[in-house]
PDB file of N, CA and C in Angstrom:
ATOM      1  N   UNK A   1      -4.437 -11.116 -18.584  1.00  0.00           N
ATOM      2  CA  UNK A   1      -4.972 -10.091 -17.705  1.00  0.00           C
ATOM      3  C   UNK A   1      -3.826  -9.425 -16.941  1.00  0.00           C
ATOM      4  N   UNK A   2      -3.858  -8.129 -16.865  1.00  0.00           N
ATOM      5  CA  UNK A   2      -2.823  -7.375 -16.176  1.00  0.00           C
ATOM      6  C   UNK A   2      -3.058  -7.419 -14.670  1.00  0.00           C
ATOM      7  N   UNK A   3      -1.963  -7.512 -13.914  1.00  0.00           N
ATOM      8  CA  UNK A   3      -2.065  -7.552 -12.449  1.00  0.00           C
ATOM      9  C   UNK A   3      -2.559  -6.212 -11.923  1.00  0.00           C
ATOM     10  N   UNK A   4      -3.318  -6.273 -10.869  1.00  0.00           N
ATOM     11  CA  UNK A   4      -3.823  -5.059 -10.226  1.00  0.00           C
ATOM     12  C   UNK A   4      -2.645  -4.254  -9.690  1.00  0.00           C
ATOM     13  N   UNK A   5      -2.688  -2.932  -9.840  1.00  0.00           N
ATOM     14  CA  UNK A   5      -1.566  -2.117  -9.382  1.00  0.00           C
ATOM     15  C   UNK A   5      -1.982  -0.971  -8.462  1.00  0.00           C
ATOM     16  N   UNK A   6      -3.286  -0.757  -8.271  1.00  0.00           N
ATOM     17  CA  UNK A   6      -3.769   0.325  -7.405  1.00  0.00           C
ATOM     18  C   UNK A   6      -4.962  -0.161  -6.591  1.00  0.00           C
ATOM     19  N   UNK A   7      -5.111   0.398  -5.397  1.00  0.00           N
ATOM     20  CA  UNK A   7      -6.194   0.026  -4.499  1.00  0.00           C
ATOM     21  C   UNK A   7      -6.887   1.284  -3.960  1.00  0.00           C
ATOM     22  N   UNK A   8      -7.629   2.017  -4.790  1.00  0.00           N
ATOM     23  CA  UNK A   8      -8.296   3.234  -4.301  1.00  0.00           C
ATOM     24  C   UNK A   8      -9.341   2.946  -3.226  1.00  0.00           C
ATOM     25  N   UNK A   9      -9.871   1.747  -3.222  1.00  0.00           N
ATOM     26  CA  UNK A   9     -10.901   1.388  -2.245  1.00  0.00           C
ATOM     27  C   UNK A   9     -10.358   1.292  -0.820  1.00  0.00           C
ATOM     28  N   UNK A  10      -9.031   1.311  -0.664  1.00  0.00           N
ATOM     29  CA  UNK A  10      -8.439   1.205   0.671  1.00  0.00           C
ATOM     30  C   UNK A  10      -8.188   2.560   1.338  1.00  0.00           C
ATOM     31  N   UNK A  11      -8.459   3.647   0.629  1.00  0.00           N
ATOM     32  CA  UNK A  11      -8.310   4.979   1.223  1.00  0.00           C
ATOM     33  C   UNK A  11      -9.202   5.082   2.460  1.00  0.00           C
ATOM     34  N   UNK A  12      -8.619   5.535   3.571  1.00  0.00           N
ATOM     35  CA  UNK A  12      -9.373   5.707   4.803  1.00  0.00           C
ATOM     36  C   UNK A  12      -9.506   4.453   5.644  1.00  0.00           C
ATOM     37  N   UNK A  13      -9.052   3.320   5.122  1.00  0.00           N
ATOM     38  CA  UNK A  13      -9.124   2.065   5.875  1.00  0.00           C
ATOM     39  C   UNK A  13      -7.971   1.992   6.870  1.00  0.00           C
ATOM     40  N   UNK A  14      -8.089   1.100   7.834  1.00  0.00           N
ATOM     41  CA  UNK A  14      -7.018   0.913   8.813  1.00  0.00           C
ATOM     42  C   UNK A  14      -5.825   0.230   8.140  1.00  0.00           C
ATOM     43  N   UNK A  15      -4.664   0.421   8.737  1.00  0.00           N
ATOM     44  CA  UNK A  15      -3.441  -0.218   8.230  1.00  0.00           C
ATOM     45  C   UNK A  15      -3.626  -1.732   8.183  1.00  0.00           C
ATOM     46  N   UNK A  16      -4.196  -2.290   9.236  1.00  0.00           N
ATOM     47  CA  UNK A  16      -4.369  -3.732   9.321  1.00  0.00           C
ATOM     48  C   UNK A  16      -5.276  -4.252   8.208  1.00  0.00           C
ATOM     49  N   UNK A  17      -6.394  -3.562   7.996  1.00  0.00           N
ATOM     50  CA  UNK A  17      -7.342  -3.990   6.966  1.00  0.00           C
ATOM     51  C   UNK A  17      -6.731  -3.896   5.570  1.00  0.00           C
ATOM     52  N   UNK A  18      -6.031  -2.795   5.288  1.00  0.00           N
ATOM     53  CA  UNK A  18      -5.407  -2.612   3.978  1.00  0.00           C
ATOM     54  C   UNK A  18      -4.323  -3.662   3.738  1.00  0.00           C
ATOM     55  N   UNK A  19      -3.474  -3.890   4.731  1.00  0.00           N
ATOM     56  CA  UNK A  19      -2.406  -4.889   4.598  1.00  0.00           C
ATOM     57  C   UNK A  19      -2.985  -6.271   4.364  1.00  0.00           C
ATOM     58  N   UNK A  20      -4.021  -6.595   5.104  1.00  0.00           N
ATOM     59  CA  UNK A  20      -4.663  -7.909   4.980  1.00  0.00           C
ATOM     60  C   UNK A  20      -5.250  -8.102   3.582  1.00  0.00           C
ATOM     61  N   UNK A  21      -5.926  -7.086   3.055  1.00  0.00           N
ATOM     62  CA  UNK A  21      -6.547  -7.218   1.731  1.00  0.00           C
ATOM     63  C   UNK A  21      -5.498  -7.371   0.638  1.00  0.00           C
ATOM     64  N   UNK A  22      -4.459  -6.544   0.669  1.00  0.00           N
ATOM     65  CA  UNK A  22      -3.408  -6.640  -0.350  1.00  0.00           C
ATOM     66  C   UNK A  22      -2.718  -7.997  -0.259  1.00  0.00           C
ATOM     67  N   UNK A  23      -2.407  -8.442   0.960  1.00  0.00           N
ATOM     68  CA  UNK A  23      -1.759  -9.738   1.152  1.00  0.00           C
ATOM     69  C   UNK A  23      -2.616 -10.901   0.691  1.00  0.00           C
ATOM     70  N   UNK A  24      -3.922 -10.789   0.861  1.00  0.00           N
ATOM     71  CA  UNK A  24      -4.826 -11.860   0.422  1.00  0.00           C
ATOM     72  C   UNK A  24      -4.881 -11.937  -1.100  1.00  0.00           C
ATOM     73  N   UNK A  25      -4.844 -10.779  -1.754  1.00  0.00           N
ATOM     74  CA  UNK A  25      -4.902 -10.744  -3.220  1.00  0.00           C
ATOM     75  C   UNK A  25      -3.568 -11.118  -3.853  1.00  0.00           C
ATOM     76  N   UNK A  26      -2.464 -10.658  -3.237  1.00  0.00           N
ATOM     77  CA  UNK A  26      -1.124 -10.864  -3.793  1.00  0.00           C
ATOM     78  C   UNK A  26      -0.146 -11.194  -2.669  1.00  0.00           C
ATOM     79  N   UNK A  27      -0.060 -12.458  -2.263  1.00  0.00           N
ATOM     80  CA  UNK A  27       0.823 -12.828  -1.148  1.00  0.00           C
ATOM     81  C   UNK A  27       2.300 -12.554  -1.412  1.00  0.00           C
ATOM     82  N   UNK A  28       2.681 -12.425  -2.672  1.00  0.00           N
ATOM     83  CA  UNK A  28       4.093 -12.191  -3.004  1.00  0.00           C
ATOM     84  C   UNK A  28       4.508 -10.731  -2.805  1.00  0.00           C
ATOM     85  N   UNK A  29       3.557  -9.840  -2.610  1.00  0.00           N
ATOM     86  CA  UNK A  29       3.857  -8.408  -2.453  1.00  0.00           C
ATOM     87  C   UNK A  29       4.230  -8.105  -1.005  1.00  0.00           C
ATOM     88  N   UNK A  30       5.244  -7.276  -0.841  1.00  0.00           N
ATOM     89  CA  UNK A  30       5.633  -6.783   0.476  1.00  0.00           C
ATOM     90  C   UNK A  30       4.949  -5.444   0.706  1.00  0.00           C
ATOM     91  N   UNK A  31       4.259  -5.330   1.831  1.00  0.00           N
ATOM     92  CA  UNK A  31       3.573  -4.089   2.181  1.00  0.00           C
ATOM     93  C   UNK A  31       4.440  -3.314   3.158  1.00  0.00           C
ATOM     94  N   UNK A  32       4.749  -2.058   2.816  1.00  0.00           N
ATOM     95  CA  UNK A  32       5.524  -1.173   3.683  1.00  0.00           C
ATOM     96  C   UNK A  32       4.593  -0.112   4.240  1.00  0.00           C
ATOM     97  N   UNK A  33       4.583   0.033   5.555  1.00  0.00           N
ATOM     98  CA  UNK A  33       3.786   1.075   6.206  1.00  0.00           C
ATOM     99  C   UNK A  33       4.694   2.276   6.429  1.00  0.00           C
ATOM    100  N   UNK A  34       4.285   3.429   5.891  1.00  0.00           N
ATOM    101  CA  UNK A  34       5.106   4.643   5.921  1.00  0.00           C
ATOM    102  C   UNK A  34       4.273   5.792   6.486  1.00  0.00           C
ATOM    103  N   UNK A  35       4.768   6.463   7.529  1.00  0.00           N
ATOM    104  CA  UNK A  35       4.034   7.636   8.026  1.00  0.00           C
ATOM    105  C   UNK A  35       3.950   8.716   6.947  1.00  0.00           C
ATOM    106  N   UNK A  36       2.785   9.327   6.809  1.00  0.00           N
ATOM    107  CA  UNK A  36       2.584  10.406   5.832  1.00  0.00           C
ATOM    108  C   UNK A  36       3.627  11.494   6.068  1.00  0.00           C
ATOM    109  N   UNK A  37       4.214  11.971   4.984  1.00  0.00           N
ATOM    110  CA  UNK A  37       5.226  13.014   5.050  1.00  0.00           C
ATOM    111  C   UNK A  37       6.650  12.499   5.131  1.00  0.00           C
ATOM    112  N   UNK A  38       6.816  11.181   5.256  1.00  0.00           N
ATOM    113  CA  UNK A  38       8.154  10.593   5.319  1.00  0.00           C
ATOM    114  C   UNK A  38       8.811  10.590   3.947  1.00  0.00           C
ATOM    115  N   UNK A  39      10.126  10.635   3.949  1.00  0.00           N
ATOM    116  CA  UNK A  39      10.877  10.521   2.702  1.00  0.00           C
ATOM    117  C   UNK A  39      11.004   9.044   2.349  1.00  0.00           C
ATOM    118  N   UNK A  40      10.870   8.738   1.066  1.00  0.00           N
ATOM    119  CA  UNK A  40      11.023   7.368   0.577  1.00  0.00           C
ATOM    120  C   UNK A  40      11.885   7.386  -0.680  1.00  0.00           C
ATOM    121  N   UNK A  41      12.466   6.239  -1.000  1.00  0.00           N
ATOM    122  CA  UNK A  41      13.251   6.141  -2.224  1.00  0.00           C
ATOM    123  C   UNK A  41      12.328   6.217  -3.427  1.00  0.00           C
ATOM    124  N   UNK A  42      12.872   6.612  -4.561  1.00  0.00           N
ATOM    125  CA  UNK A  42      12.070   6.760  -5.772  1.00  0.00           C
ATOM    126  C   UNK A  42      12.201   5.561  -6.715  1.00  0.00           C
ATOM    127  N   UNK A  43      12.898   4.508  -6.274  1.00  0.00           N
ATOM    128  CA  UNK A  43      13.026   3.327  -7.123  1.00  0.00           C
ATOM    129  C   UNK A  43      11.679   2.637  -7.273  1.00  0.00           C
ATOM    130  N   UNK A  44      11.493   1.966  -8.395  1.00  0.00           N
ATOM    131  CA  UNK A  44      10.242   1.252  -8.661  1.00  0.00           C
ATOM    132  C   UNK A  44      10.459  -0.221  -8.373  1.00  0.00           C
ATOM    133  N   UNK A  45       9.584  -0.791  -7.557  1.00  0.00           N
ATOM    134  CA  UNK A  45       9.661  -2.205  -7.205  1.00  0.00           C
ATOM    135  C   UNK A  45       8.262  -2.796  -7.353  1.00  0.00           C
ATOM    136  N   UNK A  46       8.066  -3.621  -8.342  1.00  0.00           N
ATOM    137  CA  UNK A  46       6.763  -4.218  -8.657  1.00  0.00           C
ATOM    138  C   UNK A  46       6.230  -5.076  -7.510  1.00  0.00           C
ATOM    139  N   UNK A  47       7.105  -5.517  -6.631  1.00  0.00           N
ATOM    140  CA  UNK A  47       6.712  -6.393  -5.530  1.00  0.00           C
ATOM    141  C   UNK A  47       6.501  -5.635  -4.216  1.00  0.00           C
ATOM    142  N   UNK A  48       6.339  -4.315  -4.293  1.00  0.00           N
ATOM    143  CA  UNK A  48       6.172  -3.493  -3.100  1.00  0.00           C
ATOM    144  C   UNK A  48       4.936  -2.604  -3.235  1.00  0.00           C
ATOM    145  N   UNK A  49       4.211  -2.488  -2.127  1.00  0.00           N
ATOM    146  CA  UNK A  49       3.135  -1.510  -2.011  1.00  0.00           C
ATOM    147  C   UNK A  49       3.400  -0.727  -0.732  1.00  0.00           C
ATOM    148  N   UNK A  50       3.419   0.579  -0.855  1.00  0.00           N
ATOM    149  CA  UNK A  50       3.579   1.425   0.322  1.00  0.00           C
ATOM    150  C   UNK A  50       2.215   1.910   0.778  1.00  0.00           C
ATOM    151  N   UNK A  51       1.985   1.802   2.081  1.00  0.00           N
ATOM    152  CA  UNK A  51       0.781   2.356   2.688  1.00  0.00           C
ATOM    153  C   UNK A  51       1.198   3.614   3.438  1.00  0.00           C
ATOM    154  N   UNK A  52       0.824   4.763   2.928  1.00  0.00           N
ATOM    155  CA  UNK A  52       1.097   6.021   3.614  1.00  0.00           C
ATOM    156  C   UNK A  52      -0.032   6.239   4.608  1.00  0.00           C
ATOM    157  N   UNK A  53       0.332   6.362   5.885  1.00  0.00           N
ATOM    158  CA  UNK A  53      -0.683   6.388   6.933  1.00  0.00           C
ATOM    159  C   UNK A  53      -0.549   7.602   7.840  1.00  0.00           C
ATOM    160  N   UNK A  54      -1.691   7.990   8.381  1.00  0.00           N
ATOM    161  CA  UNK A  54      -1.748   9.035   9.396  1.00  0.00           C
ATOM    162  C   UNK A  54      -2.848   8.615  10.370  1.00  0.00           C
ATOM    163  N   UNK A  55      -2.537   8.632  11.644  1.00  0.00           N
ATOM    164  CA  UNK A  55      -3.490   8.223  12.684  1.00  0.00           C
ATOM    165  C   UNK A  55      -4.050   6.824  12.426  1.00  0.00           C
ATOM    166  N   UNK A  56      -3.198   5.927  11.910  1.00  0.00           N
ATOM    167  CA  UNK A  56      -3.594   4.537  11.689  1.00  0.00           C
ATOM    168  C   UNK A  56      -4.457   4.281  10.466  1.00  0.00           C
ATOM    169  N   UNK A  57      -4.681   5.309   9.644  1.00  0.00           N
ATOM    170  CA  UNK A  57      -5.520   5.179   8.453  1.00  0.00           C
ATOM    171  C   UNK A  57      -4.713   5.464   7.188  1.00  0.00           C
ATOM    172  N   UNK A  58      -5.055   4.787   6.113  1.00  0.00           N
ATOM    173  CA  UNK A  58      -4.407   4.985   4.813  1.00  0.00           C
ATOM    174  C   UNK A  58      -4.852   6.343   4.246  1.00  0.00           C
ATOM    175  N   UNK A  59      -3.875   7.219   3.920  1.00  0.00           N
ATOM    176  CA  UNK A  59      -4.207   8.574   3.455  1.00  0.00           C
ATOM    177  C   UNK A  59      -3.827   8.820   2.002  1.00  0.00           C
ATOM    178  N   UNK A  60      -3.157   7.873   1.357  1.00  0.00           N
ATOM    179  CA  UNK A  60      -2.869   7.972  -0.084  1.00  0.00           C
ATOM    180  C   UNK A  60      -3.276   6.652  -0.735  1.00  0.00           C
ATOM    181  N   UNK A  61      -3.634   6.745  -1.995  1.00  0.00           N
ATOM    182  CA  UNK A  61      -4.029   5.524  -2.715  1.00  0.00           C
ATOM    183  C   UNK A  61      -2.841   4.572  -2.793  1.00  0.00           C
ATOM    184  N   UNK A  62      -2.980   3.360  -2.210  1.00  0.00           N
ATOM    185  CA  UNK A  62      -1.889   2.387  -2.312  1.00  0.00           C
ATOM    186  C   UNK A  62      -1.697   1.953  -3.759  1.00  0.00           C
ATOM    187  N   UNK A  63      -0.430   1.802  -4.148  1.00  0.00           N
ATOM    188  CA  UNK A  63      -0.117   1.338  -5.497  1.00  0.00           C
ATOM    189  C   UNK A  63       1.208   0.595  -5.482  1.00  0.00           C
ATOM    190  N   UNK A  64       1.337  -0.301  -6.456  1.00  0.00           N
ATOM    191  CA  UNK A  64       2.607  -1.030  -6.602  1.00  0.00           C
ATOM    192  C   UNK A  64       3.714  -0.053  -6.957  1.00  0.00           C
ATOM    193  N   UNK A  65       4.890  -0.388  -6.530  1.00  0.00           N
ATOM    194  CA  UNK A  65       6.037   0.407  -6.933  1.00  0.00           C
ATOM    195  C   UNK A  65       6.876   0.775  -5.794  1.00  0.00           C
TER     196      UNK A  65
END
């Protein structure tokens, strides 16, 4: 079975709730909280999920990388 790589169900959720759910499913993943519109590196890291947030809510679909 392939590991989950996207969390569309977390769109609009709070940063805390999204981080908690991803951490519960995959404790080895590092969650990075990034303000919407910020510049980020383009490297791919299977052990990273970025949460793009605005006003404390997830505004982009979280995904590994």
